[in-house]
C-alpha atoms as a PDB file:
ATOM      1  CA  MET A   1      35.799 -19.735  -2.072  1.00  0.00           C
ATOM      2  CA  ASN A   2      32.002 -19.436  -0.761  1.00  0.00           C
ATOM      3  CA  LYS A   3      29.388 -19.262  -3.001  1.00  0.00           C
ATOM      4  CA  ARG A   4      27.224 -15.706  -2.836  1.00  0.00           C
ATOM      5  CA  GLU A   5      24.084 -15.953  -1.796  1.00  0.00           C
ATOM      6  CA  SER A   6      20.954 -14.778  -4.039  1.00  0.00           C
ATOM      7  CA  PHE A   7      17.613 -14.546  -5.089  1.00  0.00           C
ATOM      8  CA  SER A   8      16.168 -18.258  -5.400  1.00  0.00           C
ATOM      9  CA  SER A   9      13.607 -17.216  -7.837  1.00  0.00           C
ATOM     10  CA  ARG A  10      13.106 -14.449 -10.149  1.00  0.00           C
ATOM     11  CA  TRP A  11       9.533 -13.253  -8.033  1.00  0.00           C
ATOM     12  CA  GLY A  12      11.769 -13.017  -5.363  1.00  0.00           C
ATOM     13  CA  PHE A  13      13.733 -10.985  -6.993  1.00  0.00           C
ATOM     14  CA  ILE A  14      11.173  -8.760  -8.538  1.00  0.00           C
ATOM     15  CA  CYS A  15       9.066  -8.580  -5.019  1.00  0.00           C
ATOM     16  CA  ALA A  16      12.021  -7.551  -3.421  1.00  0.00           C
ATOM     17  CA  CYS A  17      12.273  -4.989  -6.228  1.00  0.00           C
ATOM     18  CA  ILE A  18       9.150  -3.680  -6.009  1.00  0.00           C
ATOM     19  CA  GLY A  19       9.246  -3.698  -2.087  1.00  0.00           C
ATOM     20  CA  SER A  20      12.262  -1.596  -2.544  1.00  0.00           C
ATOM     21  CA  ALA A  21      11.205   0.541  -5.529  1.00  0.00           C
ATOM     22  CA  VAL A  22       7.282   1.437  -3.550  1.00  0.00           C
ATOM     23  CA  GLY A  23       8.645   3.819  -1.203  1.00  0.00           C
ATOM     24  CA  MET A  24       6.029   6.336   0.585  1.00  0.00           C
ATOM     25  CA  GLY A  25       6.051   8.983  -1.971  1.00  0.00           C
ATOM     26  CA  ASN A  26       4.127   6.707  -3.922  1.00  0.00           C
ATOM     27  CA  ILE A  27       1.720   5.764  -0.972  1.00  0.00           C
ATOM     28  CA  TRP A  28       1.107   9.272   0.801  1.00  0.00           C
ATOM     29  CA  MET A  29       2.713  11.396  -1.557  1.00  0.00           C
ATOM     30  CA  PHE A  30       1.144  10.040  -4.732  1.00  0.00           C
ATOM     31  CA  PRO A  31      -2.737  11.016  -4.326  1.00  0.00           C
ATOM     32  CA  THR A  32      -1.586  14.856  -3.338  1.00  0.00           C
ATOM     33  CA  ARG A  33       0.533  15.285  -6.618  1.00  0.00           C
ATOM     34  CA  VAL A  34      -2.032  14.083  -9.065  1.00  0.00           C
ATOM     35  CA  SER A  35      -4.407  16.277  -7.438  1.00  0.00           C
ATOM     36  CA  LEU A  36      -2.045  19.509  -7.773  1.00  0.00           C
ATOM     37  CA  TYR A  37      -0.783  18.531 -11.136  1.00  0.00           C
ATOM     38  CA  GLY A  38      -3.206  17.951 -13.372  1.00  0.00           C
ATOM     39  CA  GLY A  39      -5.116  14.830 -12.443  1.00  0.00           C
ATOM     40  CA  GLY A  40      -5.299  12.247 -14.814  1.00  0.00           C
ATOM     41  CA  SER A  41      -2.529  14.364 -17.028  1.00  0.00           C
ATOM     42  CA  PHE A  42      -0.324  13.765 -14.386  1.00  0.00           C
ATOM     43  CA  LEU A  43       0.479  10.332 -14.988  1.00  0.00           C
ATOM     44  CA  ILE A  44       1.809  11.095 -18.379  1.00  0.00           C
ATOM     45  CA  PRO A  45       4.776  12.045 -17.276  1.00  0.00           C
ATOM     46  CA  TYR A  46       4.977  10.113 -14.366  1.00  0.00           C
ATOM     47  CA  PHE A  47       4.780   6.558 -16.024  1.00  0.00           C
ATOM     48  CA  ILE A  48       7.443   8.504 -18.628  1.00  0.00           C
ATOM     49  CA  PHE A  49       9.671   8.657 -15.792  1.00  0.00           C
ATOM     50  CA  VAL A  50       8.722   5.909 -13.942  1.00  0.00           C
ATOM     51  CA  ILE A  51      10.042   3.891 -17.053  1.00  0.00           C
ATOM     52  CA  LEU A  52      13.507   5.603 -18.281  1.00  0.00           C
ATOM     53  CA  ILE A  53      14.751   5.610 -14.339  1.00  0.00           C
ATOM     54  CA  GLY A  54      13.908   1.947 -14.052  1.00  0.00           C
ATOM     55  CA  SER A  55      15.200   0.985 -17.389  1.00  0.00           C
ATOM     56  CA  THR A  56      18.607   2.990 -16.915  1.00  0.00           C
ATOM     57  CA  GLY A  57      19.073   3.591 -13.344  1.00  0.00           C
ATOM     58  CA  VAL A  58      17.768   1.097 -11.589  1.00  0.00           C
ATOM     59  CA  ILE A  59      19.622  -1.857 -14.300  1.00  0.00           C
ATOM     60  CA  GLY A  60      22.629   0.432 -14.352  1.00  0.00           C
ATOM     61  CA  GLU A  61      23.230   0.085 -10.632  1.00  0.00           C
ATOM     62  CA  MET A  62      22.462  -3.120 -10.862  1.00  0.00           C
ATOM     63  CA  SER A  63      24.365  -4.450 -13.576  1.00  0.00           C
ATOM     64  CA  PHE A  64      27.461  -2.236 -11.634  1.00  0.00           C
ATOM     65  CA  GLY A  65      27.262  -4.278  -8.614  1.00  0.00           C
ATOM     66  CA  ARG A  66      26.883  -7.173  -9.974  1.00  0.00           C
ATOM     67  CA  ALA A  67      29.842  -6.590 -12.306  1.00  0.00           C
ATOM     68  CA  ALA A  68      32.193  -5.740  -9.513  1.00  0.00           C
ATOM     69  CA  LYS A  69      30.615  -8.349  -6.660  1.00  0.00           C
ATOM     70  CA  ALA A  70      30.704  -5.476  -3.834  1.00  0.00           C
ATOM     71  CA  GLY A  71      28.897  -3.209  -2.313  1.00  0.00           C
ATOM     72  CA  PRO A  72      29.285   0.906  -3.144  1.00  0.00           C
ATOM     73  CA  ILE A  73      32.001   1.733  -1.737  1.00  0.00           C
ATOM     74  CA  ASP A  74      34.773  -1.007  -2.723  1.00  0.00           C
ATOM     75  CA  ALA A  75      32.184  -0.597  -6.228  1.00  0.00           C
ATOM     76  CA  PHE A  76      33.389   2.926  -6.925  1.00  0.00           C
ATOM     77  CA  GLY A  77      36.767   2.423  -5.869  1.00  0.00           C
ATOM     78  CA  ILE A  78      37.259  -0.535  -8.433  1.00  0.00           C
ATOM     79  CA  ALA A  79      35.701   1.763 -11.168  1.00  0.00           C
ATOM     80  CA  CYS A  80      38.188   4.674 -10.165  1.00  0.00           C
ATOM     81  CA  GLU A  81      40.995   2.893  -9.755  1.00  0.00           C
ATOM     82  CA  LYS A  82      41.864   2.038 -13.810  1.00  0.00           C
ATOM     83  CA  LYS A  83      42.383   6.278 -13.491  1.00  0.00           C
ATOM     84  CA  GLY A  84      45.034   5.837 -10.187  1.00  0.00           C
ATOM     85  CA  LYS A  85      41.867   7.083  -8.029  1.00  0.00           C
ATOM     86  CA  ARG A  86      40.699   4.845  -5.827  1.00  0.00           C
ATOM     87  CA  LYS A  87      40.591   7.213  -2.111  1.00  0.00           C
ATOM     88  CA  VAL A  88      38.109   9.125  -4.949  1.00  0.00           C
ATOM     89  CA  GLY A  89      35.975   6.310  -5.927  1.00  0.00           C
ATOM     90  CA  GLU A  90      35.678   4.899  -2.174  1.00  0.00           C
ATOM     91  CA  ALA A  91      35.128   8.821  -1.182  1.00  0.00           C
ATOM     92  CA  LEU A  92      32.045   8.942  -4.018  1.00  0.00           C
ATOM     93  CA  GLY A  93      30.677   5.478  -2.437  1.00  0.00           C
ATOM     94  CA  MET A  94      30.422   6.950   0.603  1.00  0.00           C
ATOM     95  CA  ILE A  95      27.249   9.110  -1.038  1.00  0.00           C
ATOM     96  CA  PRO A  96      24.314   6.459  -1.349  1.00  0.00           C
ATOM     97  CA  VAL A  97      25.755   4.501   1.832  1.00  0.00           C
ATOM     98  CA  PHE A  98      25.103   7.687   3.701  1.00  0.00           C
ATOM     99  CA  GLY A  99      22.474   8.520   1.671  1.00  0.00           C
ATOM    100  CA  SER A 100      20.940   5.159   2.156  1.00  0.00           C
ATOM    101  CA  LEU A 101      21.443   5.611   6.264  1.00  0.00           C
ATOM    102  CA  ALA A 102      19.953   8.461   6.326  1.00  0.00           C
ATOM    103  CA  MET A 103      16.530   6.879   4.199  1.00  0.00           C
ATOM    104  CA  ALA A 104      16.669   3.794   7.030  1.00  0.00           C
ATOM    105  CA  ILE A 105      16.810   6.189   9.968  1.00  0.00           C
ATOM    106  CA  GLY A 106      13.119   8.164   8.285  1.00  0.00           C
ATOM    107  CA  TYR A 107      11.620   4.791   7.417  1.00  0.00           C
ATOM    108  CA  THR A 108      12.394   3.291  10.881  1.00  0.00           C
ATOM    109  CA  VAL A 109      10.189   6.056  12.092  1.00  0.00           C
ATOM    110  CA  VAL A 110       7.431   5.206   9.948  1.00  0.00           C
ATOM    111  CA  MET A 111       7.716   1.101  10.249  1.00  0.00           C
ATOM    112  CA  GLY A 112       6.935   2.115  14.053  1.00  0.00           C
ATOM    113  CA  TRP A 113       4.130   4.185  13.130  1.00  0.00           C
ATOM    114  CA  ILE A 114       3.029   1.564  11.146  1.00  0.00           C
ATOM    115  CA  LEU A 115       3.515  -1.505  14.005  1.00  0.00           C
ATOM    116  CA  ARG A 116       1.756   0.708  16.112  1.00  0.00           C
ATOM    117  CA  TYR A 117      -1.388   1.601  13.568  1.00  0.00           C
ATOM    118  CA  ALA A 118      -1.757  -2.154  12.707  1.00  0.00           C
ATOM    119  CA  VAL A 119      -1.321  -3.830  16.376  1.00  0.00           C
ATOM    120  CA  GLY A 120      -4.334  -1.219  17.449  1.00  0.00           C
ATOM    121  CA  THR A 121      -6.341  -1.911  14.373  1.00  0.00           C
ATOM    122  CA  PHE A 122      -6.722  -5.169  15.588  1.00  0.00           C
ATOM    123  CA  THR A 123      -7.414  -3.747  19.090  1.00  0.00           C
ATOM    124  CA  GLY A 124      -9.323  -0.918  18.740  1.00  0.00           C
ATOM    125  CA  ALA A 125      -6.937   1.723  19.661  1.00  0.00           C
ATOM    126  CA  THR A 126      -6.823   2.763  16.106  1.00  0.00           C
ATOM    127  CA  LEU A 127     -10.081   4.257  15.493  1.00  0.00           C
ATOM    128  CA  SER A 128     -11.037   4.918  19.010  1.00  0.00           C
ATOM    129  CA  PRO A 129     -10.797   8.847  18.850  1.00  0.00           C
ATOM    130  CA  GLU A 130     -14.470  10.473  18.261  1.00  0.00           C
ATOM    131  CA  ASN A 131     -13.373  13.376  16.044  1.00  0.00           C
ATOM    132  CA  VAL A 132     -10.994  15.121  13.970  1.00  0.00           C
ATOM    133  CA  ASP A 133      -9.466  16.763  16.842  1.00  0.00           C
ATOM    134  CA  GLU A 134      -8.893  13.669  19.245  1.00  0.00           C
ATOM    135  CA  PHE A 135      -7.294  11.773  16.179  1.00  0.00           C
ATOM    136  CA  GLY A 136      -4.940  14.903  15.398  1.00  0.00           C
ATOM    137  CA  ALA A 137      -4.116  15.055  18.978  1.00  0.00           C
ATOM    138  CA  ALA A 138      -3.211  11.157  19.297  1.00  0.00           C
ATOM    139  CA  PHE A 139      -1.145  11.173  16.329  1.00  0.00           C
ATOM    140  CA  GLY A 140       0.671  14.517  17.839  1.00  0.00           C
ATOM    141  CA  LYS A 141       1.449  12.308  20.353  1.00  0.00           C
ATOM    142  CA  MET A 142       3.188   9.257  18.544  1.00  0.00           C
ATOM    143  CA  ALA A 143       4.682  11.975  17.067  1.00  0.00           C
ATOM    144  CA  SER A 144       6.194  13.874  19.399  1.00  0.00           C
ATOM    145  CA  ALA A 145      10.180  12.923  21.227  1.00  0.00           C
ATOM    146  CA  PHE A 146       9.430   9.673  22.740  1.00  0.00           C
ATOM    147  CA  GLY A 147       6.703   9.000  22.141  1.00  0.00           C
ATOM    148  CA  ASN A 148       6.558   5.898  19.860  1.00  0.00           C
ATOM    149  CA  ASN A 149      10.344   4.325  20.671  1.00  0.00           C
ATOM    150  CA  ILE A 150       9.184   1.225  21.616  1.00  0.00           C
ATOM    151  CA  TRP A 151       7.529   0.375  18.427  1.00  0.00           C
ATOM    152  CA  GLN A 152      10.116   2.009  16.618  1.00  0.00           C
ATOM    153  CA  ILE A 153      12.545  -0.568  18.768  1.00  0.00           C
ATOM    154  CA  LEU A 154      10.055  -3.328  17.801  1.00  0.00           C
ATOM    155  CA  ALA A 155      10.341  -2.203  13.836  1.00  0.00           C
ATOM    156  CA  LEU A 156      13.943  -2.539  14.012  1.00  0.00           C
ATOM    157  CA  VAL A 157      14.127  -6.017  15.374  1.00  0.00           C
ATOM    158  CA  ALA A 158      11.835  -7.403  13.082  1.00  0.00           C
ATOM    159  CA  CYS A 159      14.355  -5.444  10.288  1.00  0.00           C
ATOM    160  CA  MET A 160      17.037  -7.464  11.882  1.00  0.00           C
ATOM    161  CA  LEU A 161      15.982 -10.483  11.899  1.00  0.00           C
ATOM    162  CA  ILE A 162      14.979 -10.444   8.275  1.00  0.00           C
ATOM    163  CA  LEU A 163      18.251  -9.532   7.364  1.00  0.00           C
ATOM    164  CA  MET A 164      20.725 -12.192   9.885  1.00  0.00           C
ATOM    165  CA  LEU A 165      18.098 -14.591   7.442  1.00  0.00           C
ATOM    166  CA  GLY A 166      19.986 -13.195   4.616  1.00  0.00           C
ATOM    167  CA  VAL A 167      18.852 -13.182   0.950  1.00  0.00           C
ATOM    168  CA  GLY A 168      17.372 -16.339  -0.234  1.00  0.00           C
ATOM    169  CA  SER A 169      15.313 -17.257   3.505  1.00  0.00           C
ATOM    170  CA  GLY A 170      15.124 -13.698   4.890  1.00  0.00           C
ATOM    171  CA  ILE A 171      14.385 -10.816   2.206  1.00  0.00           C
ATOM    172  CA  GLU A 172      12.898 -12.805  -0.716  1.00  0.00           C
ATOM    173  CA  LYS A 173      10.346 -15.244   1.535  1.00  0.00           C
ATOM    174  CA  ALA A 174       9.662 -11.409   3.590  1.00  0.00           C
ATOM    175  CA  ASN A 175       9.181  -9.529   0.363  1.00  0.00           C
ATOM    176  CA  LYS A 176       7.105 -12.752  -0.989  1.00  0.00           C
ATOM    177  CA  ILE A 177       4.665 -12.254   2.068  1.00  0.00           C
ATOM    178  CA  MET A 178       4.310  -8.674   2.363  1.00  0.00           C
ATOM    179  CA  MET A 179       3.799  -7.355  -0.852  1.00  0.00           C
ATOM    180  CA  PRO A 180       0.878  -9.431  -2.075  1.00  0.00           C
ATOM    181  CA  ILE A 181      -0.606  -8.503   1.424  1.00  0.00           C
ATOM    182  CA  LEU A 182      -0.053  -4.734   0.311  1.00  0.00           C
ATOM    183  CA  PHE A 183      -1.649  -5.617  -2.747  1.00  0.00           C
ATOM    184  CA  LEU A 184      -4.674  -6.950  -1.382  1.00  0.00           C
ATOM    185  CA  LEU A 185      -4.887  -4.200   1.383  1.00  0.00           C
ATOM    186  CA  PHE A 186      -4.761  -1.700  -1.499  1.00  0.00           C
ATOM    187  CA  VAL A 187      -8.155  -3.663  -3.620  1.00  0.00           C
ATOM    188  CA  GLY A 188      -9.682  -4.012  -0.022  1.00  0.00           C
ATOM    189  CA  LEU A 189      -9.200  -0.602   0.580  1.00  0.00           C
ATOM    190  CA  GLN A 190     -10.586   0.591  -3.060  1.00  0.00           C
ATOM    191  CA  ASN A 191     -13.898  -2.326  -2.719  1.00  0.00           C
ATOM    192  CA  PHE A 192     -14.261  -0.604   0.507  1.00  0.00           C
ATOM    193  CA  LEU A 193     -14.485   2.987  -0.980  1.00  0.00           C
ATOM    194  CA  LEU A 194     -16.359   2.347  -3.711  1.00  0.00           C
ATOM    195  CA  ASP A 195     -18.883   0.293  -1.342  1.00  0.00           C
ATOM    196  CA  ILE A 196     -19.718   2.920   1.104  1.00  0.00           C
ATOM    197  CA  ASP A 197     -23.480   3.985   1.199  1.00  0.00           C
ATOM    198  CA  CYS A 198     -22.840   7.243   2.229  1.00  0.00           C
ATOM    199  CA  LEU A 199     -21.942   7.494  -1.257  1.00  0.00           C
ATOM    200  CA  ASP A 200     -24.843   7.276  -2.609  1.00  0.00           C
ATOM    201  CA  GLU A 201     -26.153  10.423  -0.311  1.00  0.00           C
ATOM    202  CA  LEU A 202     -23.549  12.398  -2.026  1.00  0.00           C
ATOM    203  CA  LEU A 203     -25.352  11.796  -5.341  1.00  0.00           C
ATOM    204  CA  PRO A 204     -27.980  14.855  -4.525  1.00  0.00           C
ATOM    205  CA  TRP A 205     -25.512  17.327  -3.474  1.00  0.00           C
ATOM    206  CA  THR A 206     -23.382  17.318  -7.426  1.00  0.00           C
ATOM    207  CA  LYS A 207     -26.957  18.633  -8.487  1.00  0.00           C
ATOM    208  CA  ARG A 208     -26.744  21.214  -6.509  1.00  0.00           C
ATOM    209  CA  PHE A 209     -24.928  25.331  -7.235  1.00  0.00           C
ATOM    210  CA  ASN A 210     -21.928  24.186  -8.211  1.00  0.00           C
ATOM    211  CA  LEU A 211     -19.475  27.456  -8.319  1.00  0.00           C
ATOM    212  CA  PHE A 212     -16.881  25.402 -10.615  1.00  0.00           C
ATOM    213  CA  ASP A 213     -19.828  25.389 -13.402  1.00  0.00           C
ATOM    214  CA  VAL A 214     -20.406  29.101 -12.802  1.00  0.00           C
ATOM    215  CA  LEU A 215     -16.738  29.630 -12.949  1.00  0.00           C
ATOM    216  CA  LYS A 216     -16.858  27.441 -16.219  1.00  0.00           C
ATOM    217  CA  ILE A 217     -13.793  25.192 -14.484  1.00  0.00           C
ATOM    218  CA  SER A 218     -15.266  22.536 -14.166  1.00  0.00           C
ATOM    219  CA  ARG A 219     -14.115  20.695 -16.834  1.00  0.00           C
ATOM    220  CA  THR A 220     -10.337  22.280 -16.322  1.00  0.00           C
ATOM    221  CA  GLU A 221      -9.155  19.310 -14.088  1.00  0.00           C
ATOM    222  CA  ILE A 222      -6.426  21.250 -12.697  1.00  0.00           C
ATOM    223  CA  ARG A 223      -7.366  24.392 -11.718  1.00  0.00           C
ATOM    224  CA  HIS A 224     -10.407  23.005 -10.103  1.00  0.00           C
ATOM    225  CA  SER A 225      -7.978  20.234  -7.953  1.00  0.00           C
ATOM    226  CA  ASN A 226      -5.882  23.529  -7.584  1.00  0.00           C
ATOM    227  CA  ILE A 227      -8.876  25.183  -5.898  1.00  0.00           C
ATOM    228  CA  LEU A 228     -10.032  22.867  -3.993  1.00  0.00           C
ATOM    229  CA  SER A 229      -6.663  21.870  -2.811  1.00  0.00           C
ATOM    230  CA  TRP A 230      -6.157  25.361  -1.754  1.00  0.00           C
ATOM    231  CA  LEU A 231      -8.886  25.704   0.367  1.00  0.00           C
ATOM    232  CA  LEU A 232      -8.302  22.417   1.898  1.00  0.00           C
ATOM    233  CA  SER A 233      -4.747  23.302   2.965  1.00  0.00           C
ATOM    234  CA  PRO A 234      -4.681  25.081   6.337  1.00  0.00           C
ATOM    235  CA  ASN A 235      -1.469  26.605   6.019  1.00  0.00           C
ATOM    236  CA  GLU A 236      -2.480  28.578   2.725  1.00  0.00           C
ATOM    237  CA  ASN A 237      -3.476  32.253   2.790  1.00  0.00           C
ATOM    238  CA  HIS A 238      -7.449  32.034   2.803  1.00  0.00           C
ATOM    239  CA  GLY A 239      -7.278  32.675   6.326  1.00  0.00           C
ATOM    240  CA  LEU A 240      -9.567  29.794   6.365  1.00  0.00           C
ATOM    241  CA  GLY A 241      -6.973  27.904   8.706  1.00  0.00           C
ATOM    242  CA  ASP A 242      -8.302  23.902   8.909  1.00  0.00           C
ATOM    243  CA  ALA A 243     -11.987  24.923   9.193  1.00  0.00           C
ATOM    244  CA  PHE A 244     -12.918  24.380   5.661  1.00  0.00           C
ATOM    245  CA  LEU A 245     -11.308  21.082   5.837  1.00  0.00           C
ATOM    246  CA  LYS A 246     -13.267  20.247   9.364  1.00  0.00           C
ATOM    247  CA  THR A 247     -16.191  21.294   8.472  1.00  0.00           C
ATOM    248  CA  ILE A 248     -16.580  18.938   5.205  1.00  0.00           C
ATOM    249  CA  ILE A 249     -15.359  16.063   7.673  1.00  0.00           C
ATOM    250  CA  GLN A 250     -18.069  16.865   9.980  1.00  0.00           C
ATOM    251  CA  THR A 251     -20.816  17.215   7.989  1.00  0.00           C
ATOM    252  CA  ALA A 252     -19.580  13.981   6.209  1.00  0.00           C
ATOM    253  CA  VAL A 253     -19.714  12.013   9.447  1.00  0.00           C
ATOM    254  CA  GLN A 254     -22.834  13.458  10.739  1.00  0.00           C
ATOM    255  CA  ASN A 255     -24.858  13.006   7.365  1.00  0.00           C
ATOM    256  CA  ASP A 256     -23.366   9.588   7.558  1.00  0.00           C
ATOM    257  CA  ASP A 257     -24.700   9.218  11.370  1.00  0.00           C
END
């Protein structure tokens, strides 16, 4: 019997788990959700559900797969076979397979964007637009049909090469490299934002007229965040479109210049 391939170290397994669990929702949607649903108080239910799902669903899923020593289709089939309903189990096992396929299709698009942005960062193409409208036009062109196909194909080829190398030599080694880099990028981004000189210029603005102080809701974080998110969203019913958002960005850029 051939020996099953596995991770060679605990650290590699942890990096792979983090890489599979930290999706785009935790990077793109998380700041928006924090702003809309209570700021710091949002973190309380967030961490509760992270612990509950991580300590039950994730561990249960891994234990189920290790016990069955098979993929989702055969694993569910083996579980239901004891009741004489293997076909039903295999049908149930198709659900996570199709779900993973749908997620993979979406992530392929995102991977193409990330690869294109990464290359553009070194060539200067990413930051070449001079204003908000040009940035929007550049992203719209990239997100249009056939606007990013080459980069998506390159991202798929890279993933295929990693998978072809196997669990230990491919997935584990790739995560040992990419996950620490992701963490360092966030640390660098934090330091970059804290060291921006124009933030000091915003201090006098905090001493000016503040509508939230007048309404006595400046310390009511969720209302404050809801009003700001309402004003900043072009799709809300305030009738301003993206004028409020553009004005803030243009004012910040002009003050920086």
